[in-house]
Amino acid sequence: MKTRICCMACMLLVIFTGCEKFTDVDPKGKNLLEEVAHLDQLLNFQFGGFQELEMNNLSVLVNDLYPTITDVPNTISAPVETLASVLLTWDEEGKRAALTASDGIYEECYSIIGKVANPVLLKVDEAVGDREMAARLKAEAYVLRAYFHYLLVNVYAKAYDPATAATDGGVPYAREDDVLAVPNRKRSVQEVYDFILEDLEAAFALNSLLDKPRNLMRVGKAFAHAVEAMVRMSMRDFEGAERAAMASLAIQGTLEDHRECLILDYDWETNELGMFFNRPRLQCAEDLFFAGAVSLLICALTPEMSAAFEEENIFHNTVGKDNWYGEVLYGLPIEVLLADAVYLNSCGLTTVDMYLVQAECRLRDGDLTGAMEILNGIREMRVDPYTPVVAANVADAFALLKNITRTETWFGPKHFIALKRWNTEDAYKATIRKTILDVDYELRPDSPLWIFPFPRNATGNNPNLIQNY
């Protein structure tokens, strides 16, 4: 494990050192981003730099995971308040902003926007080289800027509500022509979404994105349509969302059969060979865009999260796990995943996301049969033995949709974003409940905890960043 970590650190050092020369200025003051080929290399960014701790915080809030390697009883009972204790106990009075000196999600998203997307948009029209490639790079940059602003506004602001979005505080929208010496002003939620759609429209207008980019960390047409689908879902434009999801699936609609993810490996508990779940990094056919690889080594599911998986779920039944580590590392009798070779796409988008969009849109349109076909299509690839589920009504089908969303997206921001979105509608909002050491807790749909604080290292440099809760 230590060898793997050291190798990864060396790789990242080489990558970031290589990219740095394209964002620097030479001694004569000549910017090096002068050729299309340079911009192409700048877009060869490793979208895996999201800090697992901050991404884990979103999953902790919605009761999917416990904070990584944290003694839960001691954290809750300690006299000194921490961000982990606030999230675990859903303490609305907790001083979250004061406890958040920095934030990996905030920093990484704006870093990608400011060091990758915006430099390309600023320089590509003047860059020397292949104009067809230049148009494609420009489209990629527009999509990247749109997507990472979408993540930002969903973490640090209220969920989009058509009735209040124009006045709800959002996040700064960083553009390529921003004056660096002037702090960006915070936009409203409506303004952020308008800018996101504007960027996506600009990308599609160039008509230059590849159906299948050369690797999963480059933007392709299927991912661009997927971003639009997610954005329009948040804006309650369900007709537009389904249309965009279908456009994405028409290009790439593969679902991974989890039976084919099993490999024969040694079980150290039983001292026997067994079948274990395996998913190598950057090798999943479902991925439309890969960002933020999460290895499941020493990852602790909550009891409620474990119970959400069907009894026949292939992943949950075959991923490596051990209860002993729960007592030792977390102070609880819980199962801890030990799957260091299983990489999940925490911050990117997948074909599953698009099928879930399509299913929800059909349910909202009253098409129970069509929605259930899609949901059972996902289940068929996930459970063994497989038996189709029959829903008596739309409400039952929506409950199934919510559960599948949870079991497919518990390891990143997407489950958090979905729950936050549903909480804006009376028909779908719900209070989350849990019990830790015989103490009951609940998280209200309108709790301020759904809005994460801007970190102090951002608010200290930008007086426009007033918290949104």
Protein backbone atom coordinates (compact mmCIF):
# COMPACT_ATOMS: atom_id res chain seq x y z
CA MET A 1 0.00 0.00 0.00
CA LYS A 2 2.82 2.42 0.93
CA THR A 3 4.54 1.64 -2.36
CA ARG A 4 1.35 2.42 -4.29
CA ILE A 5 0.94 5.74 -2.46
CA CYS A 6 4.55 6.75 -3.10
CA CYS A 7 4.24 5.92 -6.79
CA MET A 8 1.06 7.94 -7.06
CA ALA A 9 2.72 10.91 -5.34
CA CYS A 10 5.61 10.79 -7.79
CA MET A 11 3.25 10.59 -10.76
CA LEU A 12 1.27 13.60 -9.55
CA LEU A 13 4.48 15.58 -9.02
CA VAL A 14 5.56 14.92 -12.59
CA ILE A 15 2.10 15.76 -13.96
CA PHE A 16 1.70 19.03 -12.09
CA THR A 17 5.30 20.03 -12.79
CA GLY A 18 4.68 19.38 -16.48
CA CYS A 19 1.50 21.45 -16.53
CA GLU A 20 3.02 24.31 -14.56
CA LYS A 21 5.15 25.56 -17.46
CA PHE A 22 2.03 26.17 -19.53
CA THR A 23 0.53 28.50 -16.92
CA ASP A 24 3.74 30.35 -16.15
CA VAL A 25 5.41 33.34 -17.82
CA ASP A 26 8.91 33.17 -19.19
CA PRO A 27 11.61 35.70 -18.11
CA LYS A 28 10.84 37.92 -21.11
CA GLY A 29 7.17 38.13 -20.18
CA LYS A 30 5.96 35.99 -23.07
CA ASN A 31 3.08 33.69 -22.14
CA LEU A 32 3.80 30.13 -23.23
CA LEU A 33 0.19 29.31 -24.11
CA GLU A 34 0.67 30.40 -27.70
CA GLU A 35 0.10 27.15 -29.61
CA VAL A 36 -2.96 24.93 -29.89
CA ALA A 37 -0.74 21.97 -28.98
CA HIS A 38 0.15 23.66 -25.68
CA LEU A 39 -3.51 24.14 -24.84
CA ASP A 40 -4.18 20.50 -25.71
CA GLN A 41 -1.54 19.47 -23.17
CA LEU A 42 -3.07 21.79 -20.57
CA LEU A 43 -6.37 19.92 -20.93
CA ASN A 44 -4.57 16.64 -20.20
CA PHE A 45 -5.30 17.32 -16.55
CA GLN A 46 -5.53 14.59 -13.92
CA PHE A 47 -9.04 15.13 -12.55
CA GLY A 48 -8.33 13.14 -9.44
CA GLY A 49 -7.13 15.80 -7.03
CA PHE A 50 -10.31 16.13 -4.96
CA GLN A 51 -9.52 15.65 -1.29
CA GLU A 52 -11.30 12.51 -0.14
CA LEU A 53 -11.90 14.04 3.30
CA GLU A 54 -14.05 16.90 1.98
CA MET A 55 -15.85 14.67 -0.52
CA ASN A 56 -16.42 12.24 2.32
CA ASN A 57 -18.08 15.07 4.30
CA LEU A 58 -20.97 15.14 1.81
CA SER A 59 -21.52 11.40 2.30
CA VAL A 60 -21.26 11.77 6.08
CA LEU A 61 -23.97 14.43 6.06
CA VAL A 62 -26.44 12.20 4.21
CA ASN A 63 -25.56 9.23 6.45
CA ASP A 64 -23.93 7.06 3.81
CA LEU A 65 -20.44 6.97 5.35
CA TYR A 66 -18.63 7.70 8.60
CA PRO A 67 -15.72 10.19 8.58
CA THR A 68 -12.59 8.42 7.36
CA ILE A 69 -10.71 6.57 10.14
CA THR A 70 -12.50 8.45 12.91
CA ASP A 71 -13.35 7.10 16.36
CA VAL A 72 -17.03 8.00 16.21
CA PRO A 73 -17.92 7.72 19.94
CA ASN A 74 -14.91 9.80 20.99
CA THR A 75 -15.59 12.38 18.28
CA ILE A 76 -19.20 12.83 19.36
CA SER A 77 -18.43 12.99 23.08
CA ALA A 78 -15.28 15.13 22.89
CA PRO A 79 -15.58 18.55 24.60
CA VAL A 80 -13.94 20.26 21.63
CA GLU A 81 -16.23 20.73 18.65
CA THR A 82 -14.96 19.55 15.25
CA LEU A 83 -16.46 19.57 11.78
CA ALA A 84 -16.74 15.79 12.03
CA SER A 85 -18.75 16.02 15.25
CA VAL A 86 -21.05 18.65 13.74
CA LEU A 87 -21.76 16.48 10.68
CA LEU A 88 -22.16 13.27 12.68
CA THR A 89 -24.67 14.77 15.12
CA TRP A 90 -26.33 17.11 12.60
CA ASP A 91 -25.70 20.01 14.96
CA GLU A 92 -27.25 23.07 13.27
CA GLU A 93 -25.65 25.34 15.89
CA GLY A 94 -22.14 24.09 15.14
CA LYS A 95 -19.58 26.71 14.07
CA ARG A 96 -18.92 25.12 10.70
CA ALA A 97 -17.42 28.17 9.01
CA ALA A 98 -14.95 28.69 11.85
CA LEU A 99 -14.03 25.00 11.63
CA THR A 100 -13.43 25.12 7.87
CA ALA A 101 -10.02 26.67 7.30
CA SER A 102 -9.80 25.20 3.81
CA ASP A 103 -11.91 22.97 1.60
CA GLY A 104 -10.66 20.57 -1.03
CA ILE A 105 -13.82 20.63 -3.15
CA TYR A 106 -13.87 24.43 -3.31
CA GLU A 107 -10.17 24.69 -4.07
CA GLU A 108 -10.05 21.92 -6.65
CA CYS A 109 -13.12 23.09 -8.58
CA TYR A 110 -11.90 26.67 -8.84
CA SER A 111 -8.39 25.47 -9.59
CA ILE A 112 -9.65 23.48 -12.59
CA ILE A 113 -11.73 26.45 -13.74
CA GLY A 114 -8.92 28.96 -13.25
CA LYS A 115 -5.91 26.93 -14.36
CA VAL A 116 -7.39 24.74 -17.09
CA ALA A 117 -10.71 25.93 -18.53
CA ASN A 118 -10.25 29.69 -18.45
CA PRO A 119 -6.67 29.80 -19.80
CA VAL A 120 -7.83 27.73 -22.78
CA LEU A 121 -10.78 30.04 -23.42
CA LEU A 122 -8.57 33.11 -23.05
CA LYS A 123 -5.85 31.98 -25.46
CA VAL A 124 -7.38 29.52 -27.92
CA ASP A 125 -8.63 32.01 -30.51
CA GLU A 126 -5.16 33.51 -30.88
CA ALA A 127 -3.20 30.28 -30.56
CA VAL A 128 -1.27 29.05 -33.58
CA GLY A 129 -2.19 25.64 -34.93
CA ASP A 130 -4.94 23.33 -36.12
CA ARG A 131 -8.22 25.30 -36.05
CA GLU A 132 -10.37 22.18 -35.89
CA MET A 133 -8.50 21.09 -32.78
CA ALA A 134 -8.74 24.64 -31.42
CA ALA A 135 -12.53 24.55 -31.70
CA ARG A 136 -12.65 21.21 -29.91
CA LEU A 137 -10.44 22.44 -27.08
CA LYS A 138 -12.60 25.52 -26.71
CA ALA A 139 -15.73 23.37 -26.45
CA GLU A 140 -14.06 21.13 -23.88
CA ALA A 141 -13.13 24.14 -21.77
CA TYR A 142 -16.68 25.52 -21.86
CA VAL A 143 -18.05 22.19 -20.62
CA LEU A 144 -15.45 21.90 -17.87
CA ARG A 145 -16.21 25.40 -16.64
CA ALA A 146 -19.93 24.69 -16.66
CA TYR A 147 -19.64 21.36 -14.84
CA PHE A 148 -17.36 22.46 -12.02
CA HIS A 149 -19.48 25.54 -11.37
CA TYR A 150 -22.46 23.16 -11.20
CA LEU A 151 -20.71 21.21 -8.44
CA LEU A 152 -19.78 24.39 -6.60
CA VAL A 153 -23.24 25.94 -6.59
CA ASN A 154 -24.79 22.70 -5.39
CA VAL A 155 -22.39 22.33 -2.46
CA TYR A 156 -22.13 25.93 -1.21
CA ALA A 157 -25.57 27.36 -2.01
CA LYS A 158 -29.24 26.46 -1.75
CA ALA A 159 -30.61 23.97 -4.23
CA TYR A 160 -32.19 25.64 -7.24
CA ASP A 161 -35.76 26.74 -6.53
CA PRO A 162 -37.51 28.61 -9.37
CA ALA A 163 -39.35 30.76 -6.82
CA THR A 164 -36.22 32.02 -5.03
CA ALA A 165 -33.21 31.32 -7.27
CA ALA A 166 -32.95 34.95 -8.42
CA THR A 167 -32.36 36.14 -4.86
CA ASP A 168 -30.65 33.12 -3.29
CA GLY A 169 -26.94 33.60 -2.83
CA GLY A 170 -24.82 31.42 -5.09
CA VAL A 171 -21.09 31.31 -5.85
CA PRO A 172 -18.70 33.40 -7.94
CA TYR A 173 -18.69 32.47 -11.63
CA ALA A 174 -15.09 32.69 -12.79
CA ARG A 175 -14.75 33.80 -16.44
CA GLU A 176 -11.68 34.00 -18.64
CA ASP A 177 -11.83 37.81 -18.85
CA ASP A 178 -12.03 38.40 -15.10
CA VAL A 179 -9.60 41.00 -13.73
CA LEU A 180 -7.36 39.09 -11.34
CA ALA A 181 -6.86 42.04 -9.03
CA VAL A 182 -10.61 42.40 -8.44
CA PRO A 183 -12.32 39.81 -6.19
CA ASN A 184 -15.12 38.00 -8.01
CA ARG A 185 -18.57 38.95 -6.81
CA LYS A 186 -20.90 36.25 -5.62
CA ARG A 187 -23.67 35.57 -8.13
CA SER A 188 -27.21 34.51 -7.38
CA VAL A 189 -28.13 30.87 -7.87
CA GLN A 190 -30.12 31.89 -10.96
CA GLU A 191 -27.17 33.77 -12.44
CA VAL A 192 -24.87 30.80 -11.90
CA TYR A 193 -27.25 28.44 -13.69
CA ASP A 194 -27.76 30.97 -16.51
CA PHE A 195 -23.99 31.16 -17.00
CA ILE A 196 -23.71 27.36 -16.92
CA LEU A 197 -26.31 27.01 -19.67
CA GLU A 198 -24.63 29.77 -21.64
CA ASP A 199 -21.32 27.91 -21.52
CA LEU A 200 -22.94 24.64 -22.55
CA GLU A 201 -24.72 26.32 -25.45
CA ALA A 202 -21.41 27.84 -26.56
CA ALA A 203 -19.81 24.40 -26.46
CA PHE A 204 -22.54 22.74 -28.52
CA ALA A 205 -22.53 25.62 -31.02
CA LEU A 206 -18.92 24.80 -31.91
CA ASN A 207 -20.06 21.31 -33.02
CA SER A 208 -16.57 19.97 -32.48
CA LEU A 209 -16.62 17.57 -29.51
CA LEU A 210 -15.66 13.97 -30.17
CA ASP A 211 -18.19 11.24 -29.47
CA LYS A 212 -15.44 9.26 -27.75
CA PRO A 213 -12.46 11.29 -26.48
CA ARG A 214 -9.09 9.61 -26.34
CA ASN A 215 -9.31 9.07 -22.57
CA LEU A 216 -11.90 9.32 -19.80
CA MET A 217 -10.41 12.53 -18.43
CA ARG A 218 -11.15 14.44 -21.61
CA VAL A 219 -14.53 15.95 -22.42
CA GLY A 220 -16.59 14.24 -25.10
CA LYS A 221 -20.04 14.86 -26.53
CA ALA A 222 -21.74 12.27 -24.31
CA PHE A 223 -20.40 13.95 -21.18
CA ALA A 224 -21.43 17.40 -22.43
CA HIS A 225 -25.02 16.21 -22.89
CA ALA A 226 -24.84 14.53 -19.47
CA VAL A 227 -23.84 17.81 -17.81
CA GLU A 228 -26.78 19.53 -19.47
CA ALA A 229 -29.10 16.76 -18.24
CA MET A 230 -27.94 17.18 -14.64
CA VAL A 231 -28.23 20.97 -14.81
CA ARG A 232 -31.73 20.88 -16.26
CA MET A 233 -32.83 18.35 -13.64
CA SER A 234 -31.73 20.79 -10.95
CA MET A 235 -33.69 23.55 -12.70
CA ARG A 236 -36.81 21.32 -12.92
CA ASP A 237 -36.72 21.43 -16.71
CA PHE A 238 -37.55 17.73 -16.88
CA GLU A 239 -38.39 17.66 -20.57
CA GLY A 240 -35.02 19.24 -21.39
CA ALA A 241 -33.24 16.96 -18.94
CA GLU A 242 -34.64 13.79 -20.50
CA ARG A 243 -33.83 15.04 -23.97
CA ALA A 244 -30.21 15.70 -22.95
CA ALA A 245 -29.92 12.36 -21.14
CA MET A 246 -31.18 10.49 -24.20
CA ALA A 247 -28.70 12.38 -26.40
CA SER A 248 -25.90 11.27 -24.08
CA LEU A 249 -27.09 7.65 -23.96
CA ALA A 250 -27.40 7.55 -27.74
CA ILE A 251 -23.62 8.05 -27.87
CA GLN A 252 -22.66 5.93 -24.87
CA GLY A 253 -25.25 3.83 -23.08
CA THR A 254 -23.27 0.87 -21.73
CA LEU A 255 -24.16 -0.55 -18.33
CA GLU A 256 -21.48 -2.55 -16.55
CA ASP A 257 -22.50 -6.08 -15.59
CA HIS A 258 -21.16 -6.51 -12.06
CA ARG A 259 -20.92 -10.27 -12.58
CA GLU A 260 -18.05 -9.51 -14.93
CA CYS A 261 -16.27 -7.46 -12.25
CA LEU A 262 -15.54 -10.50 -10.10
CA ILE A 263 -12.05 -11.96 -9.84
CA LEU A 264 -10.66 -14.93 -7.94
CA ASP A 265 -8.55 -13.74 -5.01
CA TYR A 266 -7.26 -14.87 -1.63
CA ASP A 267 -9.46 -14.28 1.43
CA TRP A 268 -7.21 -13.64 4.43
CA GLU A 269 -10.09 -14.17 6.87
CA THR A 270 -11.03 -17.65 5.70
CA ASN A 271 -7.62 -18.57 4.25
CA GLU A 272 -9.42 -19.64 1.10
CA LEU A 273 -9.83 -18.42 -2.46
CA GLY A 274 -12.98 -16.43 -3.12
CA MET A 275 -14.65 -14.19 -5.67
CA PHE A 276 -14.10 -10.49 -5.04
CA PHE A 277 -15.33 -7.31 -6.70
CA ASN A 278 -12.70 -5.59 -8.82
CA ARG A 279 -12.81 -2.29 -10.72
CA PRO A 280 -9.48 -0.97 -12.00
CA ARG A 281 -9.00 2.76 -12.34
CA LEU A 282 -10.13 4.29 -15.66
CA GLN A 283 -11.47 1.00 -17.00
CA CYS A 284 -15.22 1.21 -16.41
CA ALA A 285 -17.35 1.30 -19.56
CA GLU A 286 -20.04 3.31 -17.74
CA ASP A 287 -17.84 6.34 -17.18
CA LEU A 288 -18.53 9.35 -19.39
CA PHE A 289 -15.96 11.51 -17.61
CA PHE A 290 -13.74 10.38 -14.76
CA ALA A 291 -12.89 12.72 -11.87
CA GLY A 292 -11.87 12.06 -8.31
CA ALA A 293 -11.00 8.39 -8.08
CA VAL A 294 -11.99 6.91 -4.73
CA SER A 295 -10.38 3.75 -3.46
CA LEU A 296 -12.51 1.94 -0.89
CA LEU A 297 -9.66 1.00 1.44
CA ILE A 298 -10.81 1.37 5.08
CA CYS A 299 -14.08 3.01 4.03
CA ALA A 300 -16.91 2.63 6.58
CA LEU A 301 -20.53 2.35 5.48
CA THR A 302 -23.24 3.33 7.95
CA PRO A 303 -25.69 0.55 8.92
CA GLU A 304 -28.43 2.40 7.03
CA MET A 305 -26.26 2.53 3.91
CA SER A 306 -25.48 -1.18 4.13
CA ALA A 307 -29.18 -1.96 4.53
CA ALA A 308 -29.99 0.01 1.38
CA PHE A 309 -28.31 -2.62 -0.81
CA GLU A 310 -30.49 -5.47 -1.98
CA GLU A 311 -29.64 -8.85 -0.48
CA GLU A 312 -28.58 -10.06 -3.91
CA ASN A 313 -26.39 -7.00 -4.68
CA ILE A 314 -23.18 -8.26 -6.28
CA PHE A 315 -20.98 -5.35 -5.23
CA HIS A 316 -22.01 -5.36 -1.57
CA ASN A 317 -21.75 -9.13 -1.30
CA THR A 318 -18.32 -9.47 -2.90
CA VAL A 319 -16.39 -6.29 -2.06
CA GLY A 320 -13.75 -6.95 0.59
CA LYS A 321 -14.87 -5.98 4.11
CA ASP A 322 -14.15 -6.71 7.74
CA ASN A 323 -16.01 -5.89 10.98
CA TRP A 324 -12.85 -6.03 13.14
CA TYR A 325 -11.60 -2.77 11.63
CA GLY A 326 -14.89 -1.12 12.58
CA GLU A 327 -14.21 -1.57 16.29
CA VAL A 328 -10.52 -0.70 16.01
CA LEU A 329 -10.66 2.29 13.66
CA TYR A 330 -14.18 3.65 14.17
CA GLY A 331 -15.17 2.47 17.65
CA LEU A 332 -18.35 0.91 16.28
CA PRO A 333 -19.51 -2.61 15.34
CA ILE A 334 -19.70 -1.75 11.64
CA GLU A 335 -18.39 -3.21 8.42
CA VAL A 336 -15.34 -1.55 6.89
CA LEU A 337 -14.53 -1.95 3.21
CA LEU A 338 -11.02 -3.16 2.41
CA ALA A 339 -11.20 -2.94 -1.37
CA ASP A 340 -8.06 -0.99 -2.26
CA ALA A 341 -8.28 -2.11 -5.91
CA VAL A 342 -11.86 -0.87 -6.48
CA TYR A 343 -11.92 2.63 -7.94
CA LEU A 344 -15.19 4.52 -8.10
CA ASN A 345 -15.84 7.66 -10.14
CA SER A 346 -16.74 10.07 -7.35
CA CYS A 347 -17.03 13.41 -9.17
CA GLY A 348 -17.55 12.47 -12.81
CA LEU A 349 -20.70 11.36 -14.60
CA THR A 350 -21.74 7.93 -15.84
CA THR A 351 -24.33 6.24 -18.00
CA VAL A 352 -26.10 5.19 -14.78
CA ASP A 353 -26.61 8.86 -13.94
CA MET A 354 -28.31 9.34 -17.29
CA TYR A 355 -30.57 6.31 -16.90
CA LEU A 356 -31.62 7.63 -13.48
CA VAL A 357 -32.40 11.03 -15.02
CA GLN A 358 -34.44 9.34 -17.72
CA ALA A 359 -36.33 7.18 -15.20
CA GLU A 360 -37.17 10.12 -12.94
CA CYS A 361 -38.39 12.22 -15.85
CA ARG A 362 -40.68 9.40 -16.95
CA LEU A 363 -42.07 9.00 -13.44
CA ARG A 364 -42.79 12.71 -13.28
CA ASP A 365 -44.61 12.33 -16.59
CA GLY A 366 -46.67 9.42 -15.24
CA ASP A 367 -44.94 6.75 -17.33
CA LEU A 368 -44.67 4.07 -14.65
CA THR A 369 -43.98 1.22 -17.09
CA GLY A 370 -41.21 3.07 -18.91
CA ALA A 371 -39.53 4.16 -15.68
CA MET A 372 -39.60 0.65 -14.21
CA GLU A 373 -38.05 -0.80 -17.36
CA ILE A 374 -35.12 1.56 -16.90
CA LEU A 375 -34.75 0.92 -13.18
CA ASN A 376 -34.95 -2.85 -13.65
CA GLY A 377 -32.40 -2.53 -16.44
CA ILE A 378 -29.94 -1.10 -13.90
CA ARG A 379 -30.85 -3.75 -11.32
CA GLU A 380 -30.32 -6.54 -13.82
CA MET A 381 -26.65 -5.55 -13.99
CA ARG A 382 -26.31 -5.28 -10.20
CA VAL A 383 -28.07 -8.22 -8.53
CA ASP A 384 -27.69 -11.97 -8.86
CA PRO A 385 -30.06 -13.73 -9.05
CA TYR A 386 -32.11 -11.06 -10.78
CA THR A 387 -35.88 -10.77 -10.51
CA PRO A 388 -37.74 -7.75 -11.91
CA VAL A 389 -39.42 -5.48 -9.37
CA VAL A 390 -43.05 -4.51 -9.94
CA ALA A 391 -44.15 -1.15 -8.54
CA ALA A 392 -47.80 -0.70 -7.64
CA ASN A 393 -47.74 3.03 -8.29
CA VAL A 394 -45.53 6.02 -9.06
CA ALA A 395 -44.79 6.61 -5.37
CA ASP A 396 -43.41 3.08 -4.96
CA ALA A 397 -41.35 3.47 -8.13
CA PHE A 398 -39.95 6.78 -6.90
CA ALA A 399 -38.91 5.11 -3.64
CA LEU A 400 -37.05 2.49 -5.70
CA LEU A 401 -35.45 5.27 -7.77
CA LYS A 402 -34.22 6.97 -4.60
CA ASN A 403 -32.76 3.74 -3.26
CA ILE A 404 -30.98 2.88 -6.50
CA THR A 405 -29.62 6.43 -6.63
CA ARG A 406 -28.23 5.91 -3.14
CA THR A 407 -26.58 2.57 -3.82
CA GLU A 408 -25.09 3.85 -7.10
CA THR A 409 -23.82 7.26 -5.95
CA TRP A 410 -23.02 7.05 -2.21
CA PHE A 411 -19.28 7.69 -2.69
CA GLY A 412 -19.35 11.28 -3.99
CA PRO A 413 -21.44 14.43 -4.33
CA LYS A 414 -24.22 13.05 -6.54
CA HIS A 415 -26.37 11.47 -3.82
CA PHE A 416 -26.00 14.63 -1.73
CA ILE A 417 -27.05 16.77 -4.73
CA ALA A 418 -30.03 14.54 -5.53
CA LEU A 419 -31.35 14.59 -1.96
CA LYS A 420 -30.84 18.33 -1.75
CA ARG A 421 -32.77 18.78 -5.00
CA TRP A 422 -35.67 16.57 -3.87
CA ASN A 423 -35.85 18.55 -0.63
CA THR A 424 -37.07 21.59 -2.59
CA GLU A 425 -40.33 19.80 -3.44
CA ASP A 426 -42.98 18.81 -0.90
CA ALA A 427 -43.76 15.58 -2.75
CA TYR A 428 -40.20 14.25 -2.50
CA LYS A 429 -38.47 15.84 0.49
CA ALA A 430 -37.71 13.68 3.50
CA THR A 431 -36.15 13.83 6.94
CA ILE A 432 -33.11 11.59 7.36
CA ARG A 433 -32.92 9.66 10.63
CA LYS A 434 -30.20 7.58 12.24
CA THR A 435 -29.14 6.12 15.57
CA ILE A 436 -25.59 6.11 16.92
CA LEU A 437 -24.93 4.38 20.25
CA ASP A 438 -28.64 4.46 21.18
CA VAL A 439 -28.96 8.20 20.47
CA ASP A 440 -31.39 9.24 17.74
CA TYR A 441 -30.57 12.04 15.31
CA GLU A 442 -32.45 13.62 12.40
CA LEU A 443 -31.62 15.94 9.52
CA ARG A 444 -34.47 18.18 8.35
CA PRO A 445 -35.00 18.84 4.62
CA ASP A 446 -34.63 22.60 5.23
CA SER A 447 -31.64 22.34 7.59
CA PRO A 448 -28.85 24.90 7.00
CA LEU A 449 -26.43 21.94 7.08
CA TRP A 450 -27.34 21.23 3.45
CA ILE A 451 -25.34 24.35 2.52
CA PHE A 452 -21.62 23.89 3.17
CA PRO A 453 -19.61 26.92 4.29
CA PHE A 454 -17.14 28.80 2.15
CA PRO A 455 -13.70 28.05 3.62
CA ARG A 456 -11.89 30.75 5.60
CA ASN A 457 -8.98 30.88 3.17
CA ALA A 458 -11.52 31.98 0.53
CA THR A 459 -13.61 34.39 2.60
CA GLY A 460 -10.42 35.97 3.94
CA ASN A 461 -9.36 36.93 0.42
CA ASN A 462 -12.77 37.81 -1.04
CA PRO A 463 -15.06 40.07 1.00
CA ASN A 464 -17.92 39.22 -1.38
CA LEU A 465 -18.12 35.67 -0.05
CA ILE A 466 -20.84 35.96 2.57
CA GLN A 467 -22.09 32.55 3.71
CA ASN A 468 -25.31 31.33 2.09
CA TYR A 469 -26.94 29.98 5.26
